[in-house]
Protein backbone atom coordinates (compact mmCIF):
# COMPACT_ATOMS: atom_id res chain seq x y z
CA MET A 1 -0.01 0.01 -0.02
CA PRO A 2 1.38 3.46 -0.82
CA VAL A 3 2.63 5.49 2.14
CA PRO A 4 2.04 9.26 2.67
CA PRO A 5 5.03 11.35 1.85
CA LYS A 6 7.24 12.22 4.91
CA GLY A 7 5.90 15.16 6.80
CA GLY A 8 2.53 14.92 4.99
CA THR A 9 -0.91 13.89 6.18
CA PRO A 10 -3.01 11.06 4.62
CA ASN A 11 -5.49 13.65 3.32
CA ALA A 12 -2.65 15.64 1.61
CA PHE A 13 -1.35 12.31 0.14
CA PHE A 14 -4.64 11.34 -1.44
CA CYS A 15 -5.25 14.89 -2.75
CA HIS A 16 -1.99 14.76 -4.62
CA THR A 17 -2.27 11.19 -5.87
CA PRO A 18 -3.92 11.18 -9.39
CA SER A 19 -3.93 7.45 -9.87
CA ILE A 20 -7.24 5.63 -10.38
CA ALA A 21 -6.43 3.18 -7.59
CA ALA A 22 -6.35 6.10 -5.05
CA LEU A 23 -9.14 8.12 -6.70
CA GLY A 24 -12.00 6.40 -4.86
CA MET A 25 -10.47 7.06 -1.48
CA ALA A 26 -9.53 10.57 -2.49
CA LEU A 27 -13.03 11.43 -3.40
CA LEU A 28 -14.18 10.57 0.04
CA MET A 29 -11.75 13.09 1.33
CA LEU A 30 -12.68 15.95 -1.04
CA PRO A 31 -13.75 18.21 1.80
CA ALA A 32 -10.20 18.14 3.22
CA CYS A 33 -8.65 18.97 -0.15
CA LYS A 34 -7.75 22.47 -1.33
CA PRO A 35 -9.56 23.93 -4.41
CA LYS A 36 -6.42 23.42 -6.56
CA GLU A 37 -6.17 19.76 -5.44
CA ILE A 38 -9.78 19.15 -6.17
CA GLN A 39 -9.34 20.63 -9.65
CA ILE A 40 -6.53 18.06 -10.24
CA LEU A 41 -8.77 15.18 -9.16
CA LEU A 42 -11.77 16.32 -11.22
CA GLY A 43 -9.85 17.73 -14.19
CA PRO A 44 -10.13 14.61 -16.37
CA SER A 45 -13.89 14.41 -16.01
CA GLN A 46 -14.23 18.17 -17.02
CA ALA A 47 -12.19 17.40 -20.15
CA LEU A 48 -14.44 14.39 -20.77
CA SER A 49 -17.58 16.62 -20.58
CA THR A 50 -15.98 18.98 -23.11
CA VAL A 51 -15.22 16.27 -25.68
CA LEU A 52 -18.55 14.47 -25.10
CA ALA A 53 -20.50 17.68 -25.64
CA GLU A 54 -18.66 18.24 -28.90
CA GLU A 55 -19.45 14.69 -30.07
CA ALA A 56 -23.06 15.04 -29.08
CA ALA A 57 -23.43 18.32 -30.86
CA ARG A 58 -21.90 16.84 -34.07
CA LEU A 59 -24.29 13.81 -34.06
CA ALA A 60 -27.35 15.91 -33.13
CA GLY A 61 -26.92 18.08 -36.23
CA PRO A 62 -29.74 20.65 -36.50
CA LYS A 63 -31.75 19.00 -33.61
CA LYS A 64 -31.04 20.95 -30.43
CA GLN A 65 -32.18 18.69 -27.62
CA ILE A 66 -29.99 16.00 -25.91
CA ALA A 67 -31.48 13.32 -23.64
CA LEU A 68 -29.54 11.84 -20.71
CA ILE A 69 -29.72 8.46 -19.09
CA THR A 70 -28.46 8.68 -15.52
CA ALA A 71 -28.49 6.67 -12.35
CA ASP A 72 -31.41 6.97 -10.02
CA ALA A 73 -31.33 8.59 -6.55
CA SER A 74 -30.23 5.28 -4.96
CA TRP A 75 -26.65 6.08 -6.39
CA GLY A 76 -26.72 9.53 -4.74
CA PRO A 77 -26.93 13.04 -6.14
CA PRO A 78 -25.84 13.88 -9.73
CA SER A 79 -22.12 13.42 -10.51
CA ALA A 80 -19.74 16.25 -11.18
CA LEU A 81 -19.48 15.00 -14.71
CA GLU A 82 -23.19 15.27 -15.25
CA GLU A 83 -23.26 18.87 -14.00
CA THR A 84 -20.34 19.97 -16.19
CA LEU A 85 -21.66 18.08 -19.20
CA LYS A 86 -24.94 20.01 -18.99
CA ARG A 87 -23.08 23.24 -18.94
CA ALA A 88 -20.91 22.24 -21.86
CA LEU A 89 -23.96 21.17 -23.91
CA LYS A 90 -25.67 24.50 -23.27
CA LYS A 91 -22.54 26.27 -24.59
CA HIS A 92 -23.30 24.49 -27.89
CA GLY A 93 -26.82 25.80 -27.89
CA LEU A 94 -28.26 22.54 -26.82
CA THR A 95 -31.11 21.89 -24.32
CA VAL A 96 -30.86 18.95 -21.93
CA VAL A 97 -33.55 16.61 -20.64
CA THR A 98 -33.35 13.43 -18.52
CA ALA A 99 -34.93 10.61 -20.43
CA LYS A 100 -34.42 8.06 -17.69
CA ALA A 101 -33.05 7.87 -14.15
CA ALA A 102 -32.31 4.19 -14.14
CA ASN A 103 -32.11 1.66 -11.28
CA LEU A 104 -28.67 0.11 -11.95
CA GLY A 105 -28.67 -2.32 -9.07
CA ASN A 106 -26.59 -2.10 -5.85
CA PRO A 107 -22.83 -2.14 -6.38
CA MET A 108 -22.35 -3.35 -2.81
CA PHE A 109 -24.13 -6.68 -3.41
CA SER A 110 -23.89 -9.51 -5.97
CA GLY A 111 -26.01 -9.30 -9.12
CA ALA A 112 -25.96 -7.57 -12.44
CA ILE A 113 -25.00 -3.90 -12.31
CA GLY A 114 -25.89 -1.79 -15.38
CA LEU A 115 -28.51 -0.26 -17.69
CA LYS A 116 -31.26 -2.75 -18.02
CA ALA A 117 -32.83 -3.32 -21.50
CA VAL A 118 -36.29 -2.18 -20.33
CA ASP A 119 -34.89 1.13 -19.10
CA PHE A 120 -32.90 1.67 -22.25
CA PHE A 121 -35.91 1.11 -24.44
CA GLU A 122 -38.00 3.42 -22.26
CA ALA A 123 -35.34 6.13 -22.54
CA LEU A 124 -35.27 5.81 -26.32
CA GLU A 125 -39.06 5.99 -26.59
CA LYS A 126 -39.07 9.17 -24.54
CA SER A 127 -36.24 10.52 -26.71
CA THR A 128 -38.01 10.38 -30.07
CA GLY A 129 -37.06 13.48 -32.00
CA THR A 130 -34.10 14.47 -29.89
CA GLY A 131 -30.67 15.02 -31.44
CA ALA A 132 -28.85 12.39 -29.38
CA VAL A 133 -29.06 10.26 -26.25
CA ILE A 134 -26.13 10.09 -23.76
CA SER A 135 -25.85 7.31 -21.34
CA LEU A 136 -23.78 8.18 -18.30
CA VAL A 137 -24.28 4.65 -16.88
CA GLY A 138 -22.46 2.51 -19.44
CA GLY A 139 -23.79 0.45 -22.30
CA PRO A 140 -27.26 -1.18 -22.16
CA LEU A 141 -27.47 -4.88 -21.14
CA LEU A 142 -29.03 -6.14 -24.36
CA SER A 143 -29.58 -9.69 -25.54
CA PRO A 144 -29.52 -10.45 -29.28
CA GLU A 145 -33.36 -10.57 -29.21
CA ASP A 146 -33.32 -7.06 -27.66
CA THR A 147 -31.12 -5.77 -30.40
CA VAL A 148 -33.48 -7.06 -33.09
CA ARG A 149 -36.40 -5.12 -31.41
CA LEU A 150 -34.48 -1.85 -31.65
CA SER A 151 -35.82 0.67 -34.19
CA PRO A 152 -33.21 1.57 -36.85
CA ASN A 153 -34.45 5.18 -36.64
CA HIS A 154 -33.58 5.75 -32.97
CA PRO A 155 -31.40 8.85 -32.07
CA PRO A 156 -27.64 8.30 -31.95
CA VAL A 157 -26.53 6.97 -28.59
CA LEU A 158 -23.30 7.94 -26.86
CA VAL A 159 -22.13 5.90 -23.95
CA VAL A 160 -19.82 6.85 -21.11
CA ALA A 161 -18.35 3.60 -19.64
CA THR A 162 -15.68 4.88 -17.30
CA ALA A 163 -14.80 3.78 -13.69
CA MET A 164 -15.42 7.25 -12.28
CA LEU A 165 -17.74 10.21 -13.26
CA GLY A 166 -15.75 12.88 -11.55
CA ASP A 167 -16.74 12.55 -7.91
CA LYS A 168 -19.01 9.48 -8.40
CA ILE A 169 -18.50 5.81 -9.31
CA GLY A 170 -19.21 5.15 -12.97
CA VAL A 171 -20.43 1.95 -14.73
CA ARG A 172 -17.71 0.30 -16.80
CA THR A 173 -18.94 -2.02 -19.58
CA ASP A 174 -17.28 -5.13 -20.93
CA PRO A 175 -15.24 -4.14 -24.07
CA LEU A 176 -16.68 -7.08 -26.08
CA GLN A 177 -20.21 -5.94 -25.17
CA LEU A 178 -19.47 -2.38 -26.33
CA ALA A 179 -18.04 -3.86 -29.54
CA ARG A 180 -21.17 -5.67 -30.18
CA LEU A 181 -23.31 -2.58 -29.47
CA LEU A 182 -21.21 -0.60 -31.93
CA GLU A 183 -21.23 -3.28 -34.66
CA THR A 184 -25.02 -3.74 -34.37
CA GLN A 185 -25.54 0.08 -34.50
CA VAL A 186 -27.15 0.30 -31.08
CA ILE A 187 -24.66 2.98 -30.17
CA GLU A 188 -22.53 5.44 -32.05
CA ILE A 189 -19.60 5.96 -29.73
CA ALA A 190 -18.35 4.75 -26.34
CA ILE A 191 -15.89 6.52 -24.09
CA ILE A 192 -13.72 4.23 -21.96
CA ASP A 193 -10.73 4.61 -19.66
CA GLY A 194 -7.25 4.53 -21.11
CA ALA A 195 -4.81 6.87 -22.80
CA ASP A 196 -5.17 7.34 -26.59
CA SER A 197 -1.81 8.35 -28.18
CA ALA A 198 -3.31 8.31 -31.59
CA ALA A 199 -5.56 11.26 -30.62
CA ASN A 200 -2.60 13.62 -30.38
CA ALA A 201 -2.97 15.74 -33.53
CA PRO A 202 -0.23 17.97 -34.93
CA GLY A 203 -0.37 21.65 -34.13
CA LYS A 204 -0.97 23.60 -30.95
CA PRO A 205 -2.39 21.28 -28.32
CA ASP A 206 -5.68 22.13 -26.70
CA PRO A 207 -5.51 21.60 -22.89
CA ALA A 208 -8.97 19.94 -22.64
CA HIS A 209 -8.39 17.54 -25.51
CA GLU A 210 -4.88 16.77 -24.44
CA LEU A 211 -6.10 15.87 -20.90
CA PHE A 212 -8.88 13.82 -22.40
CA ALA A 213 -6.45 11.84 -24.58
CA LYS A 214 -4.31 11.13 -21.55
CA ASN A 215 -7.17 9.57 -19.69
CA TYR A 216 -9.80 8.27 -22.13
CA ARG A 217 -10.42 6.76 -25.51
CA ILE A 218 -13.33 6.92 -27.90
CA LEU A 219 -14.63 3.77 -29.63
CA ARG A 220 -16.62 4.52 -32.80
CA ARG A 221 -19.20 2.59 -34.77
CA PRO A 222 -17.67 0.95 -37.86
CA ARG A 223 -18.60 2.72 -41.06
């Protein structure tokens, strides 16, 4: 187990430790962290919200409404990512509605955790006519039969399947499941954890995109 630096406190150690392994404990200690230290911890999720809003605006085209799928109140209040994403979407001239606050199961007990098919279909039904749907709770748990039922005219779906959503636990999705969802055109893109060196474009680096590329990758639907 890592040890706090000499002369430092446990709180200071976790505030300065950016690794994912320590992030969960660090988030519990946010009240003890200074504003600059909190910014370091939450910076990646703010960069994620910037890139996600850009992708959603691109996919939405002329339609100006974005629907969110979030976790219900049993998972606590809205995450920092959700709040920054809403602000980022509004900067693109988009309005935001919540299509579904889903019951994902209890992460403290055994059993399936994730976005159930029935909740996903309900969210899509409520999102008819919107520009895009963003799931902040990972990919939907669909069987092959569920996929067949899906309307080909549903709005594009963007999925965030990361371990953390800023100050809250996220819902990671099995990469093979995400690949199937992309191949069967259920979703358009999925954002997962992991640096993406291929995303570094030539020219002057943009801080938000640079930070995003150091922490996340985008999986896209095959064309």
